[in-house]
Amino acid sequence: MSTKLYPIYQLGNSRTRVFLPDFWMKLVKSKRDQPKHIVTFHVHHKMSRLDVKNYLEKIYGMSVGNVHCHIKEGEMKKHPLYGHVVEKEDPVKIAHVHLVCFYCL
């Protein structure tokens, strides 16, 4: 889904337009040992499970089995001397993607 509005196409206007999604995904290393067919991503907070699955299938051509999402709350940073909370990090949405691997069967 792109929120950018472009002018209506007119004959003779040969500009190439590229529509990019407003969402982002970041591949991260999991803190636990996981099987090779499970991949962990930090994703945009408005992405649903279906959005993650479609994003990987349509843009990258990957075959996705299941997607599990959860939100990890940000850590609270405390003042080094007084111990009260100074700031809190933003929450992060984490998606665990189970890829379909035919060689595992």
C-alpha atoms as a PDB file:
ATOM      1  CA  MET A   1       0.000   0.000   0.000  1.00  0.00           C
ATOM      2  CA  SER A   2       1.448   3.326  -1.015  1.00  0.00           C
ATOM      3  CA  THR A   3       0.120   6.655   0.217  1.00  0.00           C
ATOM      4  CA  LYS A   4       1.764   8.728  -2.481  1.00  0.00           C
ATOM      5  CA  LEU A   5      -0.592  10.241  -5.036  1.00  0.00           C
ATOM      6  CA  TYR A   6       0.581  10.569  -8.598  1.00  0.00           C
ATOM      7  CA  PRO A   7      -1.018  12.557 -11.423  1.00  0.00           C
ATOM      8  CA  ILE A   8      -3.317  10.722 -13.819  1.00  0.00           C
ATOM      9  CA  TYR A   9      -1.534   9.031 -16.724  1.00  0.00           C
ATOM     10  CA  GLN A  10      -1.688  11.006 -19.954  1.00  0.00           C
ATOM     11  CA  LEU A  11      -0.800   9.708 -23.388  1.00  0.00           C
ATOM     12  CA  GLY A  12       2.769  10.643 -24.285  1.00  0.00           C
ATOM     13  CA  ASN A  13       3.870  10.929 -20.663  1.00  0.00           C
ATOM     14  CA  SER A  14       6.462   8.175 -20.493  1.00  0.00           C
ATOM     15  CA  ARG A  15       7.753   8.635 -16.941  1.00  0.00           C
ATOM     16  CA  THR A  16       8.338   5.351 -15.183  1.00  0.00           C
ATOM     17  CA  ARG A  17       6.726   5.230 -11.767  1.00  0.00           C
ATOM     18  CA  VAL A  18       7.804   2.822  -9.050  1.00  0.00           C
ATOM     19  CA  PHE A  19       5.369   2.129  -6.232  1.00  0.00           C
ATOM     20  CA  LEU A  20       7.098   1.152  -3.011  1.00  0.00           C
ATOM     21  CA  PRO A  21       5.279   0.024   0.135  1.00  0.00           C
ATOM     22  CA  ASP A  22       5.132   2.264   3.204  1.00  0.00           C
ATOM     23  CA  PHE A  23       6.105  -0.671   5.424  1.00  0.00           C
ATOM     24  CA  TRP A  24       9.582  -1.849   6.323  1.00  0.00           C
ATOM     25  CA  MET A  25      11.069  -5.109   7.586  1.00  0.00           C
ATOM     26  CA  LYS A  26      14.463  -5.676   9.189  1.00  0.00           C
ATOM     27  CA  LEU A  27      16.055  -9.118   9.397  1.00  0.00           C
ATOM     28  CA  VAL A  28      17.544  -9.711  12.862  1.00  0.00           C
ATOM     29  CA  LYS A  29      19.387 -12.567  14.507  1.00  0.00           C
ATOM     30  CA  SER A  30      17.281 -14.446  17.032  1.00  0.00           C
ATOM     31  CA  LYS A  31      18.517 -14.537  20.621  1.00  0.00           C
ATOM     32  CA  ARG A  32      17.652 -18.236  20.903  1.00  0.00           C
ATOM     33  CA  ASP A  33      18.769 -21.145  18.778  1.00  0.00           C
ATOM     34  CA  GLN A  34      16.059 -21.798  16.194  1.00  0.00           C
ATOM     35  CA  PRO A  35      15.676 -24.204  13.271  1.00  0.00           C
ATOM     36  CA  LYS A  36      16.982 -22.940   9.940  1.00  0.00           C
ATOM     37  CA  HIS A  37      13.503 -22.481   8.460  1.00  0.00           C
ATOM     38  CA  ILE A  38      12.423 -19.941  11.139  1.00  0.00           C
ATOM     39  CA  VAL A  39      13.481 -16.330  10.511  1.00  0.00           C
ATOM     40  CA  THR A  40      13.025 -13.323  12.815  1.00  0.00           C
ATOM     41  CA  PHE A  41      12.166  -9.802  11.600  1.00  0.00           C
ATOM     42  CA  HIS A  42      11.557  -6.433  13.224  1.00  0.00           C
ATOM     43  CA  VAL A  43       8.570  -5.052  11.302  1.00  0.00           C
ATOM     44  CA  HIS A  44       6.579  -1.831  11.018  1.00  0.00           C
ATOM     45  CA  HIS A  45       4.108  -1.558  13.888  1.00  0.00           C
ATOM     46  CA  LYS A  46       1.063  -1.371  11.587  1.00  0.00           C
ATOM     47  CA  MET A  47       1.875  -4.592   9.696  1.00  0.00           C
ATOM     48  CA  SER A  48      -0.375  -7.574  10.333  1.00  0.00           C
ATOM     49  CA  ARG A  49       0.496 -11.249   9.865  1.00  0.00           C
ATOM     50  CA  LEU A  50      -1.079 -11.219   6.422  1.00  0.00           C
ATOM     51  CA  ASP A  51       0.899  -8.089   5.458  1.00  0.00           C
ATOM     52  CA  VAL A  52       4.171  -9.769   6.460  1.00  0.00           C
ATOM     53  CA  LYS A  53       3.305 -12.908   4.505  1.00  0.00           C
ATOM     54  CA  ASN A  54       2.269 -10.983   1.372  1.00  0.00           C
ATOM     55  CA  TYR A  55       5.324  -8.709   1.616  1.00  0.00           C
ATOM     56  CA  LEU A  56       7.722 -11.673   1.573  1.00  0.00           C
ATOM     57  CA  GLU A  57       5.799 -13.640  -1.074  1.00  0.00           C
ATOM     58  CA  LYS A  58       5.115 -10.811  -3.537  1.00  0.00           C
ATOM     59  CA  ILE A  59       8.323  -8.780  -3.286  1.00  0.00           C
ATOM     60  CA  TYR A  60      10.939 -11.449  -2.558  1.00  0.00           C
ATOM     61  CA  GLY A  61       9.218 -14.571  -3.932  1.00  0.00           C
ATOM     62  CA  MET A  62       9.657 -16.557  -0.699  1.00  0.00           C
ATOM     63  CA  SER A  63       7.220 -19.321   0.252  1.00  0.00           C
ATOM     64  CA  VAL A  64       5.926 -18.610   3.774  1.00  0.00           C
ATOM     65  CA  GLY A  65       4.156 -21.156   5.971  1.00  0.00           C
ATOM     66  CA  ASN A  66       3.194 -19.352   9.211  1.00  0.00           C
ATOM     67  CA  VAL A  67       3.821 -15.941  10.732  1.00  0.00           C
ATOM     68  CA  HIS A  68       3.769 -15.256  14.483  1.00  0.00           C
ATOM     69  CA  CYS A  69       3.872 -11.635  15.656  1.00  0.00           C
ATOM     70  CA  HIS A  70       4.259 -10.055  19.069  1.00  0.00           C
ATOM     71  CA  ILE A  71       5.198  -6.654  20.455  1.00  0.00           C
ATOM     72  CA  LYS A  72       8.249  -6.306  22.683  1.00  0.00           C
ATOM     73  CA  GLU A  73       8.094  -3.365  25.053  1.00  0.00           C
ATOM     74  CA  GLY A  74      11.064  -1.013  25.087  1.00  0.00           C
ATOM     75  CA  GLU A  75      13.554  -1.103  27.927  1.00  0.00           C
ATOM     76  CA  MET A  76      13.558   1.631  30.549  1.00  0.00           C
ATOM     77  CA  LYS A  77      16.829   3.483  31.003  1.00  0.00           C
ATOM     78  CA  LYS A  78      17.541   4.596  34.546  1.00  0.00           C
ATOM     79  CA  HIS A  79      19.616   7.465  35.819  1.00  0.00           C
ATOM     80  CA  PRO A  80      23.059   6.152  36.875  1.00  0.00           C
ATOM     81  CA  LEU A  81      23.100   7.981  40.239  1.00  0.00           C
ATOM     82  CA  TYR A  82      19.502   8.409  41.346  1.00  0.00           C
ATOM     83  CA  GLY A  83      17.921   5.296  39.859  1.00  0.00           C
ATOM     84  CA  HIS A  84      14.730   6.874  38.507  1.00  0.00           C
ATOM     85  CA  VAL A  85      13.573   6.242  34.934  1.00  0.00           C
ATOM     86  CA  VAL A  86      14.999   8.801  32.512  1.00  0.00           C
ATOM     87  CA  GLU A  87      13.646   7.517  29.206  1.00  0.00           C
ATOM     88  CA  LYS A  88      11.931   4.508  27.665  1.00  0.00           C
ATOM     89  CA  GLU A  89      12.762   2.978  24.299  1.00  0.00           C
ATOM     90  CA  ASP A  90      10.028   2.562  21.705  1.00  0.00           C
ATOM     91  CA  PRO A  91       8.260  -0.816  21.502  1.00  0.00           C
ATOM     92  CA  VAL A  92       9.258  -3.128  18.628  1.00  0.00           C
ATOM     93  CA  LYS A  93       6.996  -5.503  16.713  1.00  0.00           C
ATOM     94  CA  ILE A  94       8.696  -8.846  16.123  1.00  0.00           C
ATOM     95  CA  ALA A  95       7.598 -11.361  13.475  1.00  0.00           C
ATOM     96  CA  HIS A  96       8.766 -14.985  13.501  1.00  0.00           C
ATOM     97  CA  VAL A  97       8.348 -16.364   9.969  1.00  0.00           C
ATOM     98  CA  HIS A  98       8.215 -20.110   9.290  1.00  0.00           C
ATOM     99  CA  LEU A  99       9.495 -20.691   5.757  1.00  0.00           C
ATOM    100  CA  VAL A 100       8.325 -23.645   3.707  1.00  0.00           C
ATOM    101  CA  CYS A 101      11.339 -25.865   3.080  1.00  0.00           C
ATOM    102  CA  PHE A 102      10.733 -28.914   0.953  1.00  0.00           C
ATOM    103  CA  TYR A 103      14.093 -30.506   1.729  1.00  0.00           C
ATOM    104  CA  CYS A 104      13.184 -30.738   5.465  1.00  0.00           C
ATOM    105  CA  LEU A 105      10.390 -33.270   4.868  1.00  0.00           C
END
